[in-house]
Structure formats: structure tokens, C-alpha cells
Amino acid sequence: MIIIGELINASRKAIKAAIEAQDTEAIRKIAKDQAEAGADYIDVNAGIFVNKEPEYLKWLVRTVQTVTDKPCAIDSPDPKAIEAALSAHRGTAMINSISLEKERYENLMPIIAGTEMKVIALCMSDAGMPQTVDDRMKIVDELVNGLLKNNVKLENIFVDPLVQPVSVDNSFGVAFIDAIEKIVSTFNGIHTACGLSNISYGLPARKLMNQTFMTMAIAKGLDGAIINPLDGRMMANIITAEALAGKDYFCSSYLEAFRAGMLDL
């Protein structure tokens, strides 16, 4: 499982305050904690600062990479902010995210085309949010093929089929995980990723639902997640689900996690 640490997001009050104060130590601590907990990418988002997003996103990348060699997932639809962040980034970044929305697609494709960057391909279009598996696959086919035609390698694409609240429609959970299965069977070698906490929106015991949904999605082929890696129970569920889904040869990661005390919760 490729873990994208979600905690450095300006929509969180503590992160907003740290960015405004240019509190490097606060950002460094969260970046380091996520890396040590198992994050493969550190997501950085300064989207609420409309006029200063390029400046702040660049600062976040620099600050994060003073304490970890993990690459960043640069989380913005603004090409100027992404380019500013990339100018400071070391290594191969991830772009979070391109979609089939016309303006976003046309603005971001020139930045991504022909590079080795990883990219999250979000199942959104100008028609709105997809609801069924077929809706998602129509977007995925066009979006993935558009990326391939622009010399983005299949293995660098992470499709996000878009999680929607099961409290709104009880079919949304099944539609999402069935879409995961369809995507990985249609595009051999592609990755999938999502921020899955929206599945439990409006419901009690959200952590339990999120953790259960994660295990279901892994069984269908999900191999990337935008999550809080400091959530020990979620990480334990991911490790266990991957072993049960046959993705952990000889259960080596499961045994390593057990020896490290990660499963004793």
C-alpha cells in the first residue's frame, strides 16, 4: 500500500496557523511523524490561501524536505502553485490531482506531460460527480488515455474513483469498490488511490466505518490511500488486509509490524 500522509493541509486549524506564522518546527514535526509512521508521500496543501498559495506551497515543500527524504504530493489545482512547489522539490513529486474538468485538465496537463511525476487522476468531470461504476469508467477511460497520449506512464497514474457518503445513498460504497476492481482489471499495472473518510460523512463511529471500508477496498485492488498514517488502527488494518488479500508475500510485512508492536492495539 502506498500511503500519502494527509495531515499538512491548511484546512486544518493547526496547520493554517503554522503556515501563517511560518512555524517551520511545527510543520517539520508533522512531516517527520508521518514519514516515520509509514507515509510514502507527504501531502502538502495551502489551498485556503488564495493569493499566497504559490509562496506557501513552496515553503511547505522546502520545510518538509528538510526533515525527510520522502517526496511530496503537491495538492492543488492551481498550475502556478504547483510550478512554484516543484521548483523547490527534490526527487519525483506526486501531483494531487488532475481531473476531466476542462479548466483543470488543460491547466495541469502541460505540467505533467512527458514527466516521471506520479499523478492522481480524480474521477470528476464538468458533468459533476459520478455515481455508478459505469459513470466512473467513462471518466477513467478518457482521463487515463489522455494521460497516456501525453506520455505519462501507466504505472505513474493513481486513479481516484471518488468516495461519496454512504449516508446519502447506500449504493455509493459498493459502487466505489466495484469501480476499483474494474479499473485494475481494465488497466493492468495502473494504481488506485483515494481519501476514503468521506464514506462515513454524517454517521457515528466514523473511524470504524473508514477502517472497515479500507479493508473492503484493498480486497478489490486498492493500493494507495490518502490517510492519517498516525492512526495506528487504520495502519494495522491496512497491513492485515494486504496479507489477507495475498499482497504480502509470506506475510513478511505483517510479521514485521507485529514484531514492532504495530498490531497490538
Protein backbone atom coordinates (compact mmCIF):
# COMPACT_ATOMS: atom_id res chain seq x y z
CA MET A 1 0.00 0.00 0.00
CA ILE A 2 1.30 3.42 -0.96
CA ILE A 3 0.49 5.79 1.89
CA ILE A 4 0.03 9.51 1.26
CA GLY A 5 0.13 11.37 4.57
CA GLU A 6 -2.75 13.86 4.65
CA LEU A 7 -2.03 15.97 7.74
CA ILE A 8 -0.27 19.02 6.26
CA ASN A 9 -3.43 20.61 4.95
CA ALA A 10 -4.26 24.26 5.52
CA SER A 11 -7.92 23.42 6.06
CA ARG A 12 -6.84 22.11 9.47
CA LYS A 13 -6.73 24.93 12.02
CA ALA A 14 -3.32 24.00 13.45
CA ILE A 15 -1.73 23.81 10.01
CA LYS A 16 -3.33 27.09 8.91
CA ALA A 17 -1.86 28.79 11.98
CA ALA A 18 1.56 27.21 11.43
CA ILE A 19 1.66 28.37 7.80
CA GLU A 20 0.62 31.90 8.70
CA ALA A 21 3.27 32.05 11.42
CA GLN A 22 5.86 30.34 9.18
CA ASP A 23 6.36 27.91 12.05
CA THR A 24 8.92 25.58 10.49
CA GLU A 25 9.25 23.38 13.57
CA ALA A 26 5.53 22.59 13.68
CA ILE A 27 5.48 21.58 10.02
CA ARG A 28 8.72 19.62 10.34
CA LYS A 29 7.36 17.63 13.28
CA ILE A 30 4.18 16.62 11.45
CA ALA A 31 6.15 15.72 8.33
CA LYS A 32 8.68 13.66 10.29
CA ASP A 33 5.98 11.91 12.35
CA GLN A 34 4.10 10.89 9.20
CA ALA A 35 7.25 9.65 7.46
CA GLU A 36 8.25 7.59 10.49
CA ALA A 37 4.72 6.15 10.74
CA GLY A 38 4.96 4.78 7.20
CA ALA A 39 3.95 7.54 4.77
CA ASP A 40 5.49 7.17 1.32
CA TYR A 41 4.44 10.69 0.26
CA ILE A 42 3.76 13.77 2.35
CA ASP A 43 0.77 15.70 1.01
CA VAL A 44 1.12 19.49 1.19
CA ASN A 45 -1.88 21.76 0.75
CA ALA A 46 -2.15 25.54 1.14
CA GLY A 47 -5.33 25.96 -0.86
CA ILE A 48 -7.19 28.25 1.52
CA PHE A 49 -4.58 30.97 0.96
CA VAL A 50 -5.80 32.03 -2.47
CA ASN A 51 -3.40 34.91 -3.04
CA LYS A 52 -0.39 33.35 -1.33
CA GLU A 53 -0.79 29.69 -2.29
CA PRO A 54 2.29 29.51 -4.59
CA GLU A 55 4.52 31.12 -1.94
CA TYR A 56 3.17 28.99 0.91
CA LEU A 57 3.18 25.72 -1.05
CA LYS A 58 6.83 26.27 -2.00
CA TRP A 59 7.65 26.98 1.64
CA LEU A 60 5.85 23.81 2.76
CA VAL A 61 7.81 21.65 0.29
CA ARG A 62 11.12 23.13 1.42
CA THR A 63 10.23 22.74 5.08
CA VAL A 64 9.03 19.15 4.75
CA GLN A 65 12.12 18.07 2.83
CA THR A 66 14.49 19.40 5.50
CA VAL A 67 13.46 16.52 7.76
CA THR A 68 12.59 13.68 5.40
CA ASP A 69 13.65 12.39 2.01
CA LYS A 70 10.06 11.34 1.27
CA PRO A 71 8.63 13.04 -1.82
CA CYS A 72 5.66 15.37 -1.57
CA ALA A 73 2.20 15.05 -3.02
CA ILE A 74 1.55 18.59 -4.22
CA ASP A 75 -2.11 19.18 -3.54
CA SER A 76 -3.51 22.00 -5.68
CA PRO A 77 -5.49 22.63 -8.87
CA ASP A 78 -3.54 25.86 -9.46
CA PRO A 79 -0.74 25.45 -12.04
CA LYS A 80 1.16 28.46 -10.66
CA ALA A 81 1.15 27.00 -7.16
CA ILE A 82 2.24 23.59 -8.47
CA GLU A 83 5.07 25.06 -10.52
CA ALA A 84 6.27 27.08 -7.52
CA ALA A 85 6.24 23.96 -5.34
CA LEU A 86 8.02 21.88 -7.98
CA SER A 87 10.80 24.48 -8.20
CA ALA A 88 11.69 23.65 -4.60
CA HIS A 89 11.01 19.92 -4.67
CA ARG A 90 13.76 17.29 -4.57
CA GLY A 91 13.06 13.96 -6.22
CA THR A 92 9.94 12.80 -8.04
CA ALA A 93 6.80 14.52 -6.81
CA MET A 94 3.18 13.44 -7.00
CA ILE A 95 0.51 15.81 -8.34
CA ASN A 96 -2.80 15.71 -6.48
CA SER A 97 -4.77 15.88 -8.73
CA ILE A 98 -5.83 16.16 -12.37
CA SER A 99 -9.43 15.57 -13.39
CA LEU A 100 -11.55 15.67 -16.53
CA GLU A 101 -12.87 19.12 -15.60
CA LYS A 102 -11.89 21.16 -18.66
CA GLU A 103 -10.08 24.05 -16.96
CA ARG A 104 -8.21 21.83 -14.52
CA TYR A 105 -7.26 19.34 -17.23
CA GLU A 106 -5.97 21.99 -19.63
CA ASN A 107 -4.04 23.84 -16.91
CA LEU A 108 -2.33 20.80 -15.39
CA MET A 109 -1.64 18.55 -18.37
CA PRO A 110 1.25 20.69 -19.69
CA ILE A 111 2.95 20.41 -16.29
CA ILE A 112 2.53 16.64 -16.08
CA ALA A 113 3.02 15.62 -19.72
CA GLY A 114 6.22 13.74 -20.50
CA THR A 115 7.48 13.72 -16.93
CA GLU A 116 8.19 10.93 -14.43
CA MET A 117 5.90 12.52 -11.84
CA LYS A 118 3.19 10.47 -10.22
CA VAL A 119 -0.32 11.83 -10.70
CA ILE A 120 -3.63 11.24 -9.01
CA ALA A 121 -6.36 11.07 -11.67
CA LEU A 122 -9.60 12.09 -9.98
CA CYS A 123 -12.92 10.82 -11.37
CA MET A 124 -14.54 14.21 -11.82
CA SER A 125 -15.75 15.94 -14.96
CA ASP A 126 -17.71 19.05 -15.82
CA ALA A 127 -20.81 16.86 -15.68
CA GLY A 128 -20.30 16.51 -11.93
CA MET A 129 -19.60 13.64 -9.56
CA PRO A 130 -20.02 10.10 -10.91
CA GLN A 131 -22.36 7.80 -9.02
CA THR A 132 -22.21 4.40 -10.72
CA VAL A 133 -19.38 2.16 -11.86
CA ASP A 134 -20.23 2.98 -15.48
CA ASP A 135 -20.14 6.72 -14.76
CA ARG A 136 -16.68 6.33 -13.26
CA MET A 137 -15.35 4.16 -16.05
CA LYS A 138 -16.39 6.66 -18.73
CA ILE A 139 -14.29 9.30 -16.98
CA VAL A 140 -11.42 6.91 -16.25
CA ASP A 141 -11.18 5.77 -19.87
CA GLU A 142 -10.94 9.32 -21.19
CA LEU A 143 -8.71 10.63 -18.42
CA VAL A 144 -6.23 7.74 -18.38
CA ASN A 145 -5.99 7.60 -22.16
CA GLY A 146 -5.45 11.36 -22.23
CA LEU A 147 -2.56 11.00 -19.81
CA LEU A 148 -1.08 8.11 -21.81
CA LYS A 149 -1.27 10.15 -25.03
CA ASN A 150 0.66 12.88 -23.20
CA ASN A 151 3.46 10.44 -22.35
CA VAL A 152 2.55 9.78 -18.74
CA LYS A 153 3.41 6.19 -17.91
CA LEU A 154 0.56 3.93 -16.80
CA GLU A 155 2.43 2.93 -13.66
CA ASN A 156 2.67 6.59 -12.64
CA ILE A 157 -1.11 7.06 -12.66
CA PHE A 158 -3.16 6.68 -9.48
CA VAL A 159 -6.88 6.66 -10.26
CA ASP A 160 -9.15 8.03 -7.53
CA PRO A 161 -12.71 6.79 -8.25
CA LEU A 162 -14.11 9.36 -5.77
CA VAL A 163 -15.62 8.29 -2.48
CA GLN A 164 -19.09 9.61 -1.66
CA PRO A 165 -21.07 9.29 1.62
CA VAL A 166 -22.98 6.09 2.08
CA SER A 167 -25.35 8.11 4.29
CA VAL A 168 -26.56 9.87 1.14
CA ASP A 169 -27.01 6.74 -0.98
CA ASN A 170 -26.47 3.19 0.25
CA SER A 171 -25.10 2.17 -3.16
CA PHE A 172 -22.11 4.54 -3.02
CA GLY A 173 -19.81 2.23 -1.06
CA VAL A 174 -20.35 -0.76 -3.34
CA ALA A 175 -20.10 1.40 -6.47
CA PHE A 176 -16.72 2.68 -5.34
CA ILE A 177 -15.14 -0.68 -4.54
CA ASP A 178 -16.59 -2.27 -7.68
CA ALA A 179 -15.05 0.60 -9.66
CA ILE A 180 -11.67 -0.17 -8.07
CA GLU A 181 -11.94 -3.77 -9.27
CA LYS A 182 -12.97 -2.69 -12.78
CA ILE A 183 -10.15 -0.13 -13.07
CA VAL A 184 -7.35 -2.50 -12.08
CA SER A 185 -8.67 -5.25 -14.37
CA THR A 186 -9.04 -2.85 -17.32
CA PHE A 187 -5.66 -1.13 -16.99
CA ASN A 188 -3.09 -3.73 -15.99
CA GLY A 189 -0.35 -2.05 -13.96
CA ILE A 190 -2.26 1.09 -13.01
CA HIS A 191 -2.52 2.26 -9.39
CA THR A 192 -5.55 3.38 -7.43
CA ALA A 193 -5.75 5.79 -4.51
CA CYS A 194 -8.36 7.69 -2.55
CA GLY A 195 -9.13 9.74 0.50
CA LEU A 196 -11.79 7.46 1.89
CA SER A 197 -13.02 9.28 5.02
CA ASN A 198 -15.91 10.82 3.08
CA ILE A 199 -17.61 7.41 3.04
CA SER A 200 -18.67 7.88 6.68
CA TYR A 201 -19.75 11.53 6.48
CA GLY A 202 -22.82 12.22 8.62
CA LEU A 203 -22.60 8.93 10.52
CA PRO A 204 -21.41 7.97 14.04
CA ALA A 205 -18.35 5.81 14.73
CA ARG A 206 -16.68 7.18 11.59
CA LYS A 207 -13.27 5.64 12.29
CA LEU A 208 -14.76 2.15 12.45
CA MET A 209 -16.56 2.61 9.15
CA ASN A 210 -13.48 4.08 7.48
CA GLN A 211 -11.29 1.20 8.65
CA THR A 212 -13.79 -1.43 7.50
CA PHE A 213 -14.22 0.27 4.14
CA MET A 214 -10.45 0.34 3.68
CA THR A 215 -10.20 -3.44 4.10
CA MET A 216 -13.03 -3.96 1.59
CA ALA A 217 -11.34 -1.69 -0.95
CA ILE A 218 -7.97 -3.41 -0.55
CA ALA A 219 -9.64 -6.75 -1.29
CA LYS A 220 -10.82 -5.24 -4.60
CA GLY A 221 -7.41 -3.89 -5.58
CA LEU A 222 -6.92 -0.50 -3.86
CA ASP A 223 -3.17 0.03 -3.47
CA GLY A 224 -2.89 3.68 -2.44
CA ALA A 225 -4.55 5.78 0.26
CA ILE A 226 -4.57 9.41 1.35
CA ILE A 227 -4.85 8.96 5.10
CA ASN A 228 -3.55 9.90 8.52
CA PRO A 229 -0.62 7.50 8.99
CA LEU A 230 -0.58 8.32 12.72
CA ASP A 231 -3.87 6.42 13.05
CA GLY A 232 -2.38 3.18 14.34
CA ARG A 233 -5.55 1.14 13.98
CA MET A 234 -6.02 2.19 10.37
CA MET A 235 -2.42 1.29 9.58
CA ALA A 236 -2.87 -2.08 11.32
CA ASN A 237 -5.99 -2.76 9.28
CA ILE A 238 -4.14 -1.93 6.06
CA ILE A 239 -1.26 -4.26 6.89
CA THR A 240 -3.63 -7.07 7.88
CA ALA A 241 -5.91 -6.61 4.85
CA GLU A 242 -2.96 -6.71 2.47
CA ALA A 243 -1.81 -10.00 3.99
CA LEU A 244 -5.31 -11.47 3.65
CA ALA A 245 -5.60 -10.20 0.06
CA GLY A 246 -2.43 -12.03 -0.96
CA LYS A 247 -0.37 -8.85 -1.40
CA ASP A 248 2.13 -9.56 1.38
CA TYR A 249 4.43 -12.42 0.36
CA PHE A 250 4.94 -14.89 3.20
CA CYS A 251 3.19 -12.31 5.41
CA SER A 252 6.55 -10.61 5.87
CA SER A 253 5.16 -7.10 6.38
CA TYR A 254 2.53 -8.44 8.76
CA LEU A 255 5.15 -10.23 10.84
CA GLU A 256 7.44 -7.20 10.81
CA ALA A 257 4.57 -4.99 12.00
CA PHE A 258 3.72 -7.49 14.74
CA ARG A 259 7.30 -7.52 16.00
CA ALA A 260 7.28 -3.72 16.01
CA GLY A 261 4.15 -3.69 18.17
CA MET A 262 2.01 -2.10 15.45
CA LEU A 263 -0.71 -4.73 15.64
CA ASP A 264 -1.05 -4.84 19.43
CA LEU A 265 -3.87 -2.28 19.69
